[in-house]
C-alpha atoms as a PDB file:
ATOM      1  CA  UNK A   1       3.475 -16.702 -17.383  1.00  0.00           C
ATOM      2  CA  UNK A   2       4.836 -14.441 -14.655  1.00  0.00           C
ATOM      3  CA  UNK A   3       2.413 -12.340 -12.670  1.00  0.00           C
ATOM      4  CA  UNK A   4       3.879  -8.839 -12.483  1.00  0.00           C
ATOM      5  CA  UNK A   5       1.604  -6.179 -11.053  1.00  0.00           C
ATOM      6  CA  UNK A   6       1.667  -2.519 -12.054  1.00  0.00           C
ATOM      7  CA  UNK A   7       0.667  -0.302  -9.150  1.00  0.00           C
ATOM      8  CA  UNK A   8      -0.112   3.408  -8.786  1.00  0.00           C
ATOM      9  CA  UNK A   9       0.006   4.619  -5.175  1.00  0.00           C
ATOM     10  CA  UNK A  10      -0.999   7.742  -3.284  1.00  0.00           C
ATOM     11  CA  UNK A  11      -0.001   8.905   0.200  1.00  0.00           C
ATOM     12  CA  UNK A  12      -1.572  12.382  -0.256  1.00  0.00           C
ATOM     13  CA  UNK A  13       1.237  14.206   1.561  1.00  0.00           C
ATOM     14  CA  UNK A  14       1.028  17.947   0.989  1.00  0.00           C
ATOM     15  CA  UNK A  15       3.798  19.918   2.730  1.00  0.00           C
ATOM     16  CA  UNK A  16       3.044  23.630   2.959  1.00  0.00           C
ATOM     17  CA  UNK A  17       5.451  24.474   0.102  1.00  0.00           C
ATOM     18  CA  UNK A  18       3.930  21.930  -2.299  1.00  0.00           C
ATOM     19  CA  UNK A  19       0.588  21.385  -4.055  1.00  0.00           C
ATOM     20  CA  UNK A  20      -2.473  22.328  -1.948  1.00  0.00           C
ATOM     21  CA  UNK A  21      -4.349  19.376  -0.524  1.00  0.00           C
ATOM     22  CA  UNK A  22      -7.636  19.961  -2.361  1.00  0.00           C
ATOM     23  CA  UNK A  23      -5.808  19.994  -5.712  1.00  0.00           C
ATOM     24  CA  UNK A  24      -4.081  16.724  -4.862  1.00  0.00           C
ATOM     25  CA  UNK A  25      -7.340  14.967  -4.018  1.00  0.00           C
ATOM     26  CA  UNK A  26      -9.027  16.114  -7.219  1.00  0.00           C
ATOM     27  CA  UNK A  27      -6.034  14.973  -9.259  1.00  0.00           C
ATOM     28  CA  UNK A  28      -5.813  11.625  -7.456  1.00  0.00           C
ATOM     29  CA  UNK A  29      -9.381  10.678  -8.358  1.00  0.00           C
ATOM     30  CA  UNK A  30      -8.836  11.689 -11.993  1.00  0.00           C
ATOM     31  CA  UNK A  31      -5.573   9.742 -12.083  1.00  0.00           C
ATOM     32  CA  UNK A  32      -7.282   6.638 -10.724  1.00  0.00           C
ATOM     33  CA  UNK A  33      -9.851   6.815 -13.522  1.00  0.00           C
ATOM     34  CA  UNK A  34      -7.072   7.123 -16.103  1.00  0.00           C
ATOM     35  CA  UNK A  35      -5.044   4.305 -14.522  1.00  0.00           C
ATOM     36  CA  UNK A  36      -8.072   2.051 -14.899  1.00  0.00           C
ATOM     37  CA  UNK A  37      -8.244   2.713 -18.643  1.00  0.00           C
ATOM     38  CA  UNK A  38      -4.569   1.932 -19.327  1.00  0.00           C
ATOM     39  CA  UNK A  39      -4.521  -1.429 -17.586  1.00  0.00           C
ATOM     40  CA  UNK A  40      -2.929  -0.631 -14.207  1.00  0.00           C
ATOM     41  CA  UNK A  41      -3.519  -3.572 -11.865  1.00  0.00           C
ATOM     42  CA  UNK A  42      -4.016  -1.789  -8.586  1.00  0.00           C
ATOM     43  CA  UNK A  43      -4.235   1.480  -6.718  1.00  0.00           C
ATOM     44  CA  UNK A  44      -2.362   1.621  -3.417  1.00  0.00           C
ATOM     45  CA  UNK A  45      -3.654   3.907  -0.660  1.00  0.00           C
ATOM     46  CA  UNK A  46      -1.729   4.371   2.572  1.00  0.00           C
ATOM     47  CA  UNK A  47      -2.662   5.451   6.102  1.00  0.00           C
ATOM     48  CA  UNK A  48      -1.117   7.543   8.860  1.00  0.00           C
ATOM     49  CA  UNK A  49      -2.612  10.007  11.336  1.00  0.00           C
ATOM     50  CA  UNK A  50      -1.782  13.449  12.681  1.00  0.00           C
ATOM     51  CA  UNK A  51       0.943  14.193  10.138  1.00  0.00           C
ATOM     52  CA  UNK A  52       1.694  17.877   9.505  1.00  0.00           C
ATOM     53  CA  UNK A  53       1.707  17.291   5.750  1.00  0.00           C
ATOM     54  CA  UNK A  54      -1.746  15.711   5.679  1.00  0.00           C
ATOM     55  CA  UNK A  55      -0.692  12.104   5.046  1.00  0.00           C
ATOM     56  CA  UNK A  56      -3.858  10.221   4.097  1.00  0.00           C
ATOM     57  CA  UNK A  57      -5.699   9.312   7.328  1.00  0.00           C
ATOM     58  CA  UNK A  58      -8.855   7.794   5.793  1.00  0.00           C
ATOM     59  CA  UNK A  59      -8.038   5.487   2.858  1.00  0.00           C
ATOM     60  CA  UNK A  60     -11.529   3.934   2.802  1.00  0.00           C
ATOM     61  CA  UNK A  61     -13.075   7.304   1.965  1.00  0.00           C
ATOM     62  CA  UNK A  62     -10.683   7.962  -0.923  1.00  0.00           C
ATOM     63  CA  UNK A  63     -11.057   4.383  -2.162  1.00  0.00           C
ATOM     64  CA  UNK A  64     -14.819   4.856  -2.395  1.00  0.00           C
ATOM     65  CA  UNK A  65     -14.396   7.996  -4.484  1.00  0.00           C
ATOM     66  CA  UNK A  66     -11.967   6.204  -6.787  1.00  0.00           C
ATOM     67  CA  UNK A  67     -14.108   3.081  -7.007  1.00  0.00           C
ATOM     68  CA  UNK A  68     -16.936   5.209  -8.350  1.00  0.00           C
ATOM     69  CA  UNK A  69     -14.867   6.216 -11.403  1.00  0.00           C
ATOM     70  CA  UNK A  70     -13.190   2.861 -12.116  1.00  0.00           C
ATOM     71  CA  UNK A  71     -14.349  -0.560 -13.268  1.00  0.00           C
ATOM     72  CA  UNK A  72     -11.436  -2.990 -13.292  1.00  0.00           C
ATOM     73  CA  UNK A  73      -8.392  -2.250 -11.143  1.00  0.00           C
ATOM     74  CA  UNK A  74      -8.060  -3.383  -7.530  1.00  0.00           C
ATOM     75  CA  UNK A  75      -7.670  -1.172  -4.458  1.00  0.00           C
ATOM     76  CA  UNK A  76      -5.021  -2.155  -1.932  1.00  0.00           C
ATOM     77  CA  UNK A  77      -5.329  -0.193   1.309  1.00  0.00           C
ATOM     78  CA  UNK A  78      -2.305  -0.471   3.479  1.00  0.00           C
ATOM     79  CA  UNK A  79      -1.097  -0.576   5.815  1.00  0.00           C
ATOM     80  CA  UNK A  80      -4.295   0.157   7.702  1.00  0.00           C
ATOM     81  CA  UNK A  81      -3.108   0.379  11.307  1.00  0.00           C
ATOM     82  CA  UNK A  82      -5.518  -2.068  12.890  1.00  0.00           C
ATOM     83  CA  UNK A  83      -4.644  -1.439  16.580  1.00  0.00           C
ATOM     84  CA  UNK A  84      -5.775   2.188  16.207  1.00  0.00           C
ATOM     85  CA  UNK A  85      -9.247   1.300  14.962  1.00  0.00           C
ATOM     86  CA  UNK A  86     -12.467  -0.064  16.420  1.00  0.00           C
ATOM     87  CA  UNK A  87     -12.696  -3.403  14.542  1.00  0.00           C
ATOM     88  CA  UNK A  88     -16.499  -3.307  14.302  1.00  0.00           C
ATOM     89  CA  UNK A  89     -16.305  -0.010  12.435  1.00  0.00           C
ATOM     90  CA  UNK A  90     -13.551  -1.339  10.191  1.00  0.00           C
ATOM     91  CA  UNK A  91     -15.665  -4.348   9.260  1.00  0.00           C
ATOM     92  CA  UNK A  92     -18.465  -2.044   8.154  1.00  0.00           C
ATOM     93  CA  UNK A  93     -16.115   0.168   6.129  1.00  0.00           C
ATOM     94  CA  UNK A  94     -14.619  -2.861   4.414  1.00  0.00           C
ATOM     95  CA  UNK A  95     -18.046  -4.234   3.530  1.00  0.00           C
ATOM     96  CA  UNK A  96     -19.265  -0.932   2.096  1.00  0.00           C
ATOM     97  CA  UNK A  97     -16.158  -0.253  -0.018  1.00  0.00           C
ATOM     98  CA  UNK A  98     -16.142  -3.834  -1.288  1.00  0.00           C
ATOM     99  CA  UNK A  99     -19.730  -3.352  -2.439  1.00  0.00           C
ATOM    100  CA  UNK A 100     -19.052   0.071  -3.965  1.00  0.00           C
ATOM    101  CA  UNK A 101     -16.138  -1.427  -5.921  1.00  0.00           C
ATOM    102  CA  UNK A 102     -17.992  -4.678  -6.676  1.00  0.00           C
ATOM    103  CA  UNK A 103     -15.370  -6.854  -5.059  1.00  0.00           C
ATOM    104  CA  UNK A 104     -12.156  -4.978  -5.893  1.00  0.00           C
ATOM    105  CA  UNK A 105     -10.840  -4.325  -2.392  1.00  0.00           C
ATOM    106  CA  UNK A 106      -7.838  -5.624  -0.461  1.00  0.00           C
ATOM    107  CA  UNK A 107      -6.924  -4.342   3.000  1.00  0.00           C
ATOM    108  CA  UNK A 108      -3.471  -4.872   4.495  1.00  0.00           C
ATOM    109  CA  UNK A 109      -3.495  -4.654   8.273  1.00  0.00           C
ATOM    110  CA  UNK A 110      -0.333  -3.439   9.957  1.00  0.00           C
ATOM    111  CA  UNK A 111       0.546  -3.340  13.639  1.00  0.00           C
ATOM    112  CA  UNK A 112       1.813   0.259  13.497  1.00  0.00           C
ATOM    113  CA  UNK A 113       4.958   1.732  14.980  1.00  0.00           C
ATOM    114  CA  UNK A 114       4.581   5.499  15.455  1.00  0.00           C
ATOM    115  CA  UNK A 115       4.268   6.329  19.199  1.00  0.00           C
ATOM    116  CA  UNK A 116       2.415   9.605  18.535  1.00  0.00           C
ATOM    117  CA  UNK A 117      -0.369   7.815  16.659  1.00  0.00           C
ATOM    118  CA  UNK A 118      -0.904   5.339  19.472  1.00  0.00           C
ATOM    119  CA  UNK A 119      -1.019   8.173  22.009  1.00  0.00           C
ATOM    120  CA  UNK A 120      -3.450  10.057  19.788  1.00  0.00           C
ATOM    121  CA  UNK A 121      -5.928   7.157  19.840  1.00  0.00           C
ATOM    122  CA  UNK A 122      -5.314   6.127  23.436  1.00  0.00           C
ATOM    123  CA  UNK A 123      -3.720   2.803  22.499  1.00  0.00           C
ATOM    124  CA  UNK A 124      -0.604   1.078  23.817  1.00  0.00           C
ATOM    125  CA  UNK A 125       2.246   0.081  21.529  1.00  0.00           C
ATOM    126  CA  UNK A 126       2.931  -2.810  23.891  1.00  0.00           C
ATOM    127  CA  UNK A 127      -0.500  -4.276  23.132  1.00  0.00           C
ATOM    128  CA  UNK A 128      -0.363  -4.017  19.341  1.00  0.00           C
ATOM    129  CA  UNK A 129       0.196  -7.763  18.812  1.00  0.00           C
ATOM    130  CA  UNK A 130      -2.797  -8.619  20.983  1.00  0.00           C
ATOM    131  CA  UNK A 131      -4.908  -5.975  19.241  1.00  0.00           C
ATOM    132  CA  UNK A 132      -3.900  -7.339  15.832  1.00  0.00           C
ATOM    133  CA  UNK A 133      -4.970 -10.876  16.721  1.00  0.00           C
ATOM    134  CA  UNK A 134      -8.290  -9.934  18.298  1.00  0.00           C
ATOM    135  CA  UNK A 135      -9.031  -7.411  15.544  1.00  0.00           C
ATOM    136  CA  UNK A 136      -8.390  -9.792  12.653  1.00  0.00           C
ATOM    137  CA  UNK A 137     -10.489 -12.498  14.329  1.00  0.00           C
ATOM    138  CA  UNK A 138     -13.413 -10.144  14.921  1.00  0.00           C
ATOM    139  CA  UNK A 139     -13.358  -8.665  11.437  1.00  0.00           C
ATOM    140  CA  UNK A 140     -13.215 -12.044   9.706  1.00  0.00           C
ATOM    141  CA  UNK A 141     -16.121 -13.391  11.733  1.00  0.00           C
ATOM    142  CA  UNK A 142     -18.129 -10.203  11.239  1.00  0.00           C
ATOM    143  CA  UNK A 143     -17.603 -10.182   7.476  1.00  0.00           C
ATOM    144  CA  UNK A 144     -18.740 -13.804   7.280  1.00  0.00           C
ATOM    145  CA  UNK A 145     -22.080 -12.702   8.684  1.00  0.00           C
ATOM    146  CA  UNK A 146     -21.830 -14.138  12.187  1.00  0.00           C
ATOM    147  CA  UNK A 147     -23.777 -12.603  15.016  1.00  0.00           C
ATOM    148  CA  UNK A 148     -21.746 -13.017  18.180  1.00  0.00           C
ATOM    149  CA  UNK A 149     -20.212 -11.373  21.213  1.00  0.00           C
ATOM    150  CA  UNK A 150     -16.581 -10.471  21.799  1.00  0.00           C
ATOM    151  CA  UNK A 151     -15.269  -8.796  24.942  1.00  0.00           C
ATOM    152  CA  UNK A 152     -18.842  -8.759  26.221  1.00  0.00           C
ATOM    153  CA  UNK A 153     -20.101  -6.645  23.334  1.00  0.00           C
ATOM    154  CA  UNK A 154     -22.287  -7.688  20.393  1.00  0.00           C
ATOM    155  CA  UNK A 155     -20.915  -7.909  16.856  1.00  0.00           C
ATOM    156  CA  UNK A 156     -23.154  -7.902  13.796  1.00  0.00           C
ATOM    157  CA  UNK A 157     -22.203  -6.486  10.397  1.00  0.00           C
ATOM    158  CA  UNK A 158     -24.431  -5.689   7.453  1.00  0.00           C
ATOM    159  CA  UNK A 159     -24.091  -5.392   4.522  1.00  0.00           C
ATOM    160  CA  UNK A 160     -21.718  -8.263   3.833  1.00  0.00           C
ATOM    161  CA  UNK A 161     -18.877  -7.882   1.314  1.00  0.00           C
ATOM    162  CA  UNK A 162     -18.945  -9.190  -2.236  1.00  0.00           C
ATOM    163  CA  UNK A 163     -15.766 -11.227  -1.755  1.00  0.00           C
ATOM    164  CA  UNK A 164     -14.860 -13.882   0.763  1.00  0.00           C
ATOM    165  CA  UNK A 165     -13.325 -12.061   3.742  1.00  0.00           C
ATOM    166  CA  UNK A 166     -10.081 -14.067   3.417  1.00  0.00           C
ATOM    167  CA  UNK A 167      -9.679 -12.675  -0.106  1.00  0.00           C
ATOM    168  CA  UNK A 168      -9.946  -9.116   1.210  1.00  0.00           C
ATOM    169  CA  UNK A 169      -7.915  -9.197   4.409  1.00  0.00           C
ATOM    170  CA  UNK A 170      -4.125  -9.303   4.394  1.00  0.00           C
ATOM    171  CA  UNK A 171      -1.546  -9.000   7.150  1.00  0.00           C
ATOM    172  CA  UNK A 172       1.463  -6.821   6.435  1.00  0.00           C
ATOM    173  CA  UNK A 173       4.837  -6.576   8.109  1.00  0.00           C
ATOM    174  CA  UNK A 174       8.556  -7.051   8.025  1.00  0.00           C
ATOM    175  CA  UNK A 175       9.036  -9.751  10.687  1.00  0.00           C
ATOM    176  CA  UNK A 176       8.353 -13.496  10.896  1.00  0.00           C
ATOM    177  CA  UNK A 177       5.462 -12.924  13.282  1.00  0.00           C
ATOM    178  CA  UNK A 178       3.539 -11.120  10.531  1.00  0.00           C
ATOM    179  CA  UNK A 179       3.944 -14.076   8.134  1.00  0.00           C
ATOM    180  CA  UNK A 180       2.817 -16.519  10.803  1.00  0.00           C
ATOM    181  CA  UNK A 181      -0.155 -14.321  11.747  1.00  0.00           C
ATOM    182  CA  UNK A 182      -1.336 -14.176   8.124  1.00  0.00           C
ATOM    183  CA  UNK A 183      -1.083 -17.955   7.796  1.00  0.00           C
ATOM    184  CA  UNK A 184      -2.767 -18.544  11.164  1.00  0.00           C
ATOM    185  CA  UNK A 185      -5.883 -16.639  10.100  1.00  0.00           C
ATOM    186  CA  UNK A 186      -5.839 -17.979   6.544  1.00  0.00           C
ATOM    187  CA  UNK A 187      -5.632 -14.513   4.991  1.00  0.00           C
ATOM    188  CA  UNK A 188      -3.316 -12.826   2.488  1.00  0.00           C
ATOM    189  CA  UNK A 189       0.154 -11.505   3.203  1.00  0.00           C
ATOM    190  CA  UNK A 190       1.820  -8.209   2.263  1.00  0.00           C
ATOM    191  CA  UNK A 191       5.485  -8.657   3.235  1.00  0.00           C
ATOM    192  CA  UNK A 192       8.195  -6.024   3.397  1.00  0.00           C
ATOM    193  CA  UNK A 193      10.927  -8.623   2.802  1.00  0.00           C
ATOM    194  CA  UNK A 194      10.901 -11.324   0.086  1.00  0.00           C
ATOM    195  CA  UNK A 195      12.148 -14.114   2.353  1.00  0.00           C
ATOM    196  CA  UNK A 196       9.022 -13.802   4.520  1.00  0.00           C
ATOM    197  CA  UNK A 197       6.880 -15.159   1.671  1.00  0.00           C
ATOM    198  CA  UNK A 198       8.438 -18.606   2.061  1.00  0.00           C
ATOM    199  CA  UNK A 199       7.662 -18.577   5.787  1.00  0.00           C
ATOM    200  CA  UNK A 200       4.062 -17.629   5.015  1.00  0.00           C
ATOM    201  CA  UNK A 201       3.651 -20.393   2.437  1.00  0.00           C
ATOM    202  CA  UNK A 202       5.274 -23.016   4.664  1.00  0.00           C
ATOM    203  CA  UNK A 203       3.084 -22.042   7.600  1.00  0.00           C
ATOM    204  CA  UNK A 204      -0.050 -22.154   5.425  1.00  0.00           C
ATOM    205  CA  UNK A 205       0.905 -25.669   4.346  1.00  0.00           C
ATOM    206  CA  UNK A 206       1.551 -26.750   7.950  1.00  0.00           C
ATOM    207  CA  UNK A 207      -1.829 -25.441   9.084  1.00  0.00           C
ATOM    208  CA  UNK A 208      -3.696 -26.726   6.047  1.00  0.00           C
ATOM    209  CA  UNK A 209      -4.733 -23.238   4.981  1.00  0.00           C
ATOM    210  CA  UNK A 210      -5.010 -22.140   1.381  1.00  0.00           C
ATOM    211  CA  UNK A 211      -2.509 -19.343   0.608  1.00  0.00           C
ATOM    212  CA  UNK A 212      -4.362 -16.175  -0.275  1.00  0.00           C
ATOM    213  CA  UNK A 213      -3.252 -13.014  -2.067  1.00  0.00           C
ATOM    214  CA  UNK A 214       0.447 -12.258  -1.603  1.00  0.00           C
ATOM    215  CA  UNK A 215       3.412 -10.853  -3.468  1.00  0.00           C
ATOM    216  CA  UNK A 216       7.175 -10.898  -3.282  1.00  0.00           C
ATOM    217  CA  UNK A 217       9.099  -7.607  -2.868  1.00  0.00           C
ATOM    218  CA  UNK A 218      11.823  -7.192  -5.468  1.00  0.00           C
ATOM    219  CA  UNK A 219      15.239  -6.242  -3.999  1.00  0.00           C
ATOM    220  CA  UNK A 220      16.756  -3.343  -5.881  1.00  0.00           C
ATOM    221  CA  UNK A 221      13.489  -2.106  -7.369  1.00  0.00           C
ATOM    222  CA  UNK A 222      12.504   1.464  -6.395  1.00  0.00           C
ATOM    223  CA  UNK A 223       9.568   2.023  -4.093  1.00  0.00           C
ATOM    224  CA  UNK A 224       8.324   4.432  -6.732  1.00  0.00           C
ATOM    225  CA  UNK A 225       9.419   5.185 -10.283  1.00  0.00           C
ATOM    226  CA  UNK A 226       8.910   8.591 -11.873  1.00  0.00           C
ATOM    227  CA  UNK A 227       8.713   8.047 -15.622  1.00  0.00           C
ATOM    228  CA  UNK A 228      10.243  10.845 -17.660  1.00  0.00           C
ATOM    229  CA  UNK A 229      12.004  11.543 -20.929  1.00  0.00           C
ATOM    230  CA  UNK A 230      15.079  13.051 -19.255  1.00  0.00           C
ATOM    231  CA  UNK A 231      16.214  11.274 -16.041  1.00  0.00           C
ATOM    232  CA  UNK A 232      18.209  14.262 -14.743  1.00  0.00           C
ATOM    233  CA  UNK A 233      15.321  16.657 -15.226  1.00  0.00           C
ATOM    234  CA  UNK A 234      12.919  14.061 -13.842  1.00  0.00           C
ATOM    235  CA  UNK A 235      14.992  13.587 -10.691  1.00  0.00           C
ATOM    236  CA  UNK A 236      15.268  17.351 -10.237  1.00  0.00           C
ATOM    237  CA  UNK A 237      11.472  17.577 -10.343  1.00  0.00           C
ATOM    238  CA  UNK A 238      10.852  14.902  -7.709  1.00  0.00           C
ATOM    239  CA  UNK A 239      13.939  15.402  -5.507  1.00  0.00           C
ATOM    240  CA  UNK A 240      12.501  17.832  -2.923  1.00  0.00           C
ATOM    241  CA  UNK A 241       9.355  15.731  -2.646  1.00  0.00           C
ATOM    242  CA  UNK A 242      11.267  12.470  -2.280  1.00  0.00           C
ATOM    243  CA  UNK A 243      13.543  14.044   0.343  1.00  0.00           C
ATOM    244  CA  UNK A 244      10.505  15.278   2.247  1.00  0.00           C
ATOM    245  CA  UNK A 245       8.922  11.811   2.245  1.00  0.00           C
ATOM    246  CA  UNK A 246      12.113  10.122   3.425  1.00  0.00           C
ATOM    247  CA  UNK A 247      12.752  12.768   6.088  1.00  0.00           C
ATOM    248  CA  UNK A 248       9.289  12.305   7.562  1.00  0.00           C
ATOM    249  CA  UNK A 249       9.567   8.513   7.578  1.00  0.00           C
ATOM    250  CA  UNK A 250      12.995   8.816   9.206  1.00  0.00           C
ATOM    251  CA  UNK A 251      11.488  10.967  11.984  1.00  0.00           C
ATOM    252  CA  UNK A 252       8.895   8.275  12.694  1.00  0.00           C
ATOM    253  CA  UNK A 253      11.608   5.623  12.722  1.00  0.00           C
ATOM    254  CA  UNK A 254      13.674   7.689  15.179  1.00  0.00           C
ATOM    255  CA  UNK A 255      10.652   8.016  17.448  1.00  0.00           C
ATOM    256  CA  UNK A 256      10.291   4.231  17.391  1.00  0.00           C
ATOM    257  CA  UNK A 257      13.755   3.933  18.937  1.00  0.00           C
ATOM    258  CA  UNK A 258      16.563   1.427  18.555  1.00  0.00           C
ATOM    259  CA  UNK A 259      14.215  -1.380  17.524  1.00  0.00           C
ATOM    260  CA  UNK A 260      13.337   0.310  14.248  1.00  0.00           C
ATOM    261  CA  UNK A 261      14.179  -1.591  11.061  1.00  0.00           C
ATOM    262  CA  UNK A 262      13.355   1.378   8.849  1.00  0.00           C
ATOM    263  CA  UNK A 263      15.214   1.522   5.514  1.00  0.00           C
ATOM    264  CA  UNK A 264      14.964   5.322   5.528  1.00  0.00           C
ATOM    265  CA  UNK A 265      17.546   6.203   8.156  1.00  0.00           C
ATOM    266  CA  UNK A 266      20.397   8.355   6.884  1.00  0.00           C
ATOM    267  CA  UNK A 267      18.800   9.089   3.508  1.00  0.00           C
ATOM    268  CA  UNK A 268      17.693  12.670   4.170  1.00  0.00           C
ATOM    269  CA  UNK A 269      20.660  13.892   2.106  1.00  0.00           C
ATOM    270  CA  UNK A 270      19.546  14.235  -1.550  1.00  0.00           C
ATOM    271  CA  UNK A 271      22.711  12.643  -2.930  1.00  0.00           C
ATOM    272  CA  UNK A 272      22.412   9.667  -0.579  1.00  0.00           C
ATOM    273  CA  UNK A 273      18.733   9.268  -1.424  1.00  0.00           C
ATOM    274  CA  UNK A 274      19.401   9.319  -5.162  1.00  0.00           C
ATOM    275  CA  UNK A 275      22.179   6.769  -4.760  1.00  0.00           C
ATOM    276  CA  UNK A 276      19.946   4.477  -2.667  1.00  0.00           C
ATOM    277  CA  UNK A 277      17.534   3.922  -5.527  1.00  0.00           C
ATOM    278  CA  UNK A 278      14.481   3.946  -3.249  1.00  0.00           C
ATOM    279  CA  UNK A 279      12.977   6.501  -5.607  1.00  0.00           C
ATOM    280  CA  UNK A 280      14.051   6.760  -9.229  1.00  0.00           C
ATOM    281  CA  UNK A 281      13.502   8.830 -12.364  1.00  0.00           C
ATOM    282  CA  UNK A 282      13.565   6.427 -15.320  1.00  0.00           C
ATOM    283  CA  UNK A 283      12.766   6.613 -18.986  1.00  0.00           C
ATOM    284  CA  UNK A 284      10.231   4.091 -20.310  1.00  0.00           C
ATOM    285  CA  UNK A 285      13.125   2.329 -22.045  1.00  0.00           C
ATOM    286  CA  UNK A 286      14.950   1.934 -18.730  1.00  0.00           C
ATOM    287  CA  UNK A 287      11.839   0.462 -17.130  1.00  0.00           C
ATOM    288  CA  UNK A 288      11.328  -1.993 -19.993  1.00  0.00           C
ATOM    289  CA  UNK A 289      14.942  -3.117 -19.684  1.00  0.00           C
ATOM    290  CA  UNK A 290      14.269  -4.021 -16.043  1.00  0.00           C
ATOM    291  CA  UNK A 291      11.199  -6.167 -16.744  1.00  0.00           C
ATOM    292  CA  UNK A 292      13.111  -9.429 -17.429  1.00  0.00           C
ATOM    293  CA  UNK A 293      14.748  -9.241 -13.987  1.00  0.00           C
ATOM    294  CA  UNK A 294      11.474  -8.887 -12.061  1.00  0.00           C
ATOM    295  CA  UNK A 295      10.442 -12.285 -10.667  1.00  0.00           C
ATOM    296  CA  UNK A 296       6.981 -13.770 -10.504  1.00  0.00           C
ATOM    297  CA  UNK A 297       4.730 -11.925  -8.024  1.00  0.00           C
ATOM    298  CA  UNK A 298       6.905  -8.806  -8.305  1.00  0.00           C
ATOM    299  CA  UNK A 299       5.580  -5.341  -8.995  1.00  0.00           C
ATOM    300  CA  UNK A 300       6.307  -2.041 -10.722  1.00  0.00           C
ATOM    301  CA  UNK A 301       5.103   1.002  -8.811  1.00  0.00           C
ATOM    302  CA  UNK A 302       4.760   4.720  -9.406  1.00  0.00           C
ATOM    303  CA  UNK A 303       3.576   7.543  -7.135  1.00  0.00           C
ATOM    304  CA  UNK A 304       2.445  10.343  -9.434  1.00  0.00           C
ATOM    305  CA  UNK A 305       1.768  12.762  -6.568  1.00  0.00           C
ATOM    306  CA  UNK A 306       4.804  11.804  -4.459  1.00  0.00           C
ATOM    307  CA  UNK A 307       5.156  14.118  -1.474  1.00  0.00           C
ATOM    308  CA  UNK A 308       2.893  16.784  -2.965  1.00  0.00           C
ATOM    309  CA  UNK A 309       4.387  16.652  -6.462  1.00  0.00           C
ATOM    310  CA  UNK A 310       2.464  18.911  -8.822  1.00  0.00           C
ATOM    311  CA  UNK A 311      -0.320  17.146 -10.731  1.00  0.00           C
ATOM    312  CA  UNK A 312       1.160  18.560 -13.949  1.00  0.00           C
ATOM    313  CA  UNK A 313       4.418  16.687 -13.318  1.00  0.00           C
ATOM    314  CA  UNK A 314       2.578  13.616 -12.073  1.00  0.00           C
ATOM    315  CA  UNK A 315       0.456  13.451 -15.213  1.00  0.00           C
ATOM    316  CA  UNK A 316       3.603  13.400 -17.340  1.00  0.00           C
ATOM    317  CA  UNK A 317       4.739  10.257 -15.557  1.00  0.00           C
ATOM    318  CA  UNK A 318       1.308   8.645 -15.671  1.00  0.00           C
ATOM    319  CA  UNK A 319       0.812   9.359 -19.375  1.00  0.00           C
ATOM    320  CA  UNK A 320       4.221   7.837 -20.137  1.00  0.00           C
ATOM    321  CA  UNK A 321       3.117   4.775 -18.187  1.00  0.00           C
ATOM    322  CA  UNK A 322       0.006   4.619 -20.342  1.00  0.00           C
ATOM    323  CA  UNK A 323       2.106   4.699 -23.489  1.00  0.00           C
ATOM    324  CA  UNK A 324       4.408   2.015 -22.096  1.00  0.00           C
ATOM    325  CA  UNK A 325       1.839  -0.437 -20.692  1.00  0.00           C
ATOM    326  CA  UNK A 326       1.453  -2.463 -23.933  1.00  0.00           C
ATOM    327  CA  UNK A 327       5.246  -2.904 -24.081  1.00  0.00           C
ATOM    328  CA  UNK A 328       5.365  -3.912 -20.404  1.00  0.00           C
ATOM    329  CA  UNK A 329       2.752  -6.604 -20.983  1.00  0.00           C
ATOM    330  CA  UNK A 330       4.529  -7.783 -24.110  1.00  0.00           C
ATOM    331  CA  UNK A 331       7.863  -7.973 -22.292  1.00  0.00           C
ATOM    332  CA  UNK A 332       6.332 -10.018 -19.481  1.00  0.00           C
ATOM    333  CA  UNK A 333       4.736 -12.382 -22.005  1.00  0.00           C
ATOM    334  CA  UNK A 334       8.029 -12.872 -23.870  1.00  0.00           C
ATOM    335  CA  UNK A 335       9.852 -13.775 -20.678  1.00  0.00           C
ATOM    336  CA  UNK A 336       7.170 -16.255 -19.657  1.00  0.00           C
END
């Protein structure tokens, strides 16, 4: 039987013309509790820093609040920008949230790409690969309970997590180096491109490492689906929020320079964005019709508070997902 994951994600953006931040946070926790009851597989929480619209800077804090009102679904934090963090502190945060959630945490580490964030934390973009390697090594050893020194400083983490560290930690990215890094450390992999999964699996086999949690991005599937009864009205509701999200990502990509592989360039125009399919307003029937084409390890994702979308509109989408979940599971079962 295919493993297709249903994900509900939150970036907590709140531009000044949209829903106030405090309202978004209250709604997000309530939505997580509801998502748990309808059979959603995971909650995705993102991370960026110093964004004018309040993009979520502390996913571990929000995950703890959500873990307290859920019992079953898994939390996927990512990408957590490892080079910006003190790894000893990250190890402690991971251990605490894994205990609060009773072993329902995954953390995708990314190398980062926004120059402003690196300047904000006094880090060098040129050293991000080195910081990724040393950070992953330290965190894995710390979460296994070792007491050791690295860079002349002691490392000792308590409490320890519920899960094996390799089942928590993932490496994310859109280049071959990210796949090879995940395999090298024997951790999971959160790729941006489907072809990188094969590199990860081959490298795990070469190194004799057991593949850990991973998935395969589905070309042509939206980053986020807004479920609605009327696609035109649904798109009208999310359009300004989707445009805002894409515009902000495009600014970060432009700051990265010519080396950026961002898929968001040139999509600030609403018509171009709608045509791209990165965000979509679908009826439940449209979503169900797409299920047979989603391969094993694919996912269906919604963002009910996309770019500061009103909780009222977000709840409409989430409730439709709740009504549709039994049919999604049945469709997956029929297709094997």
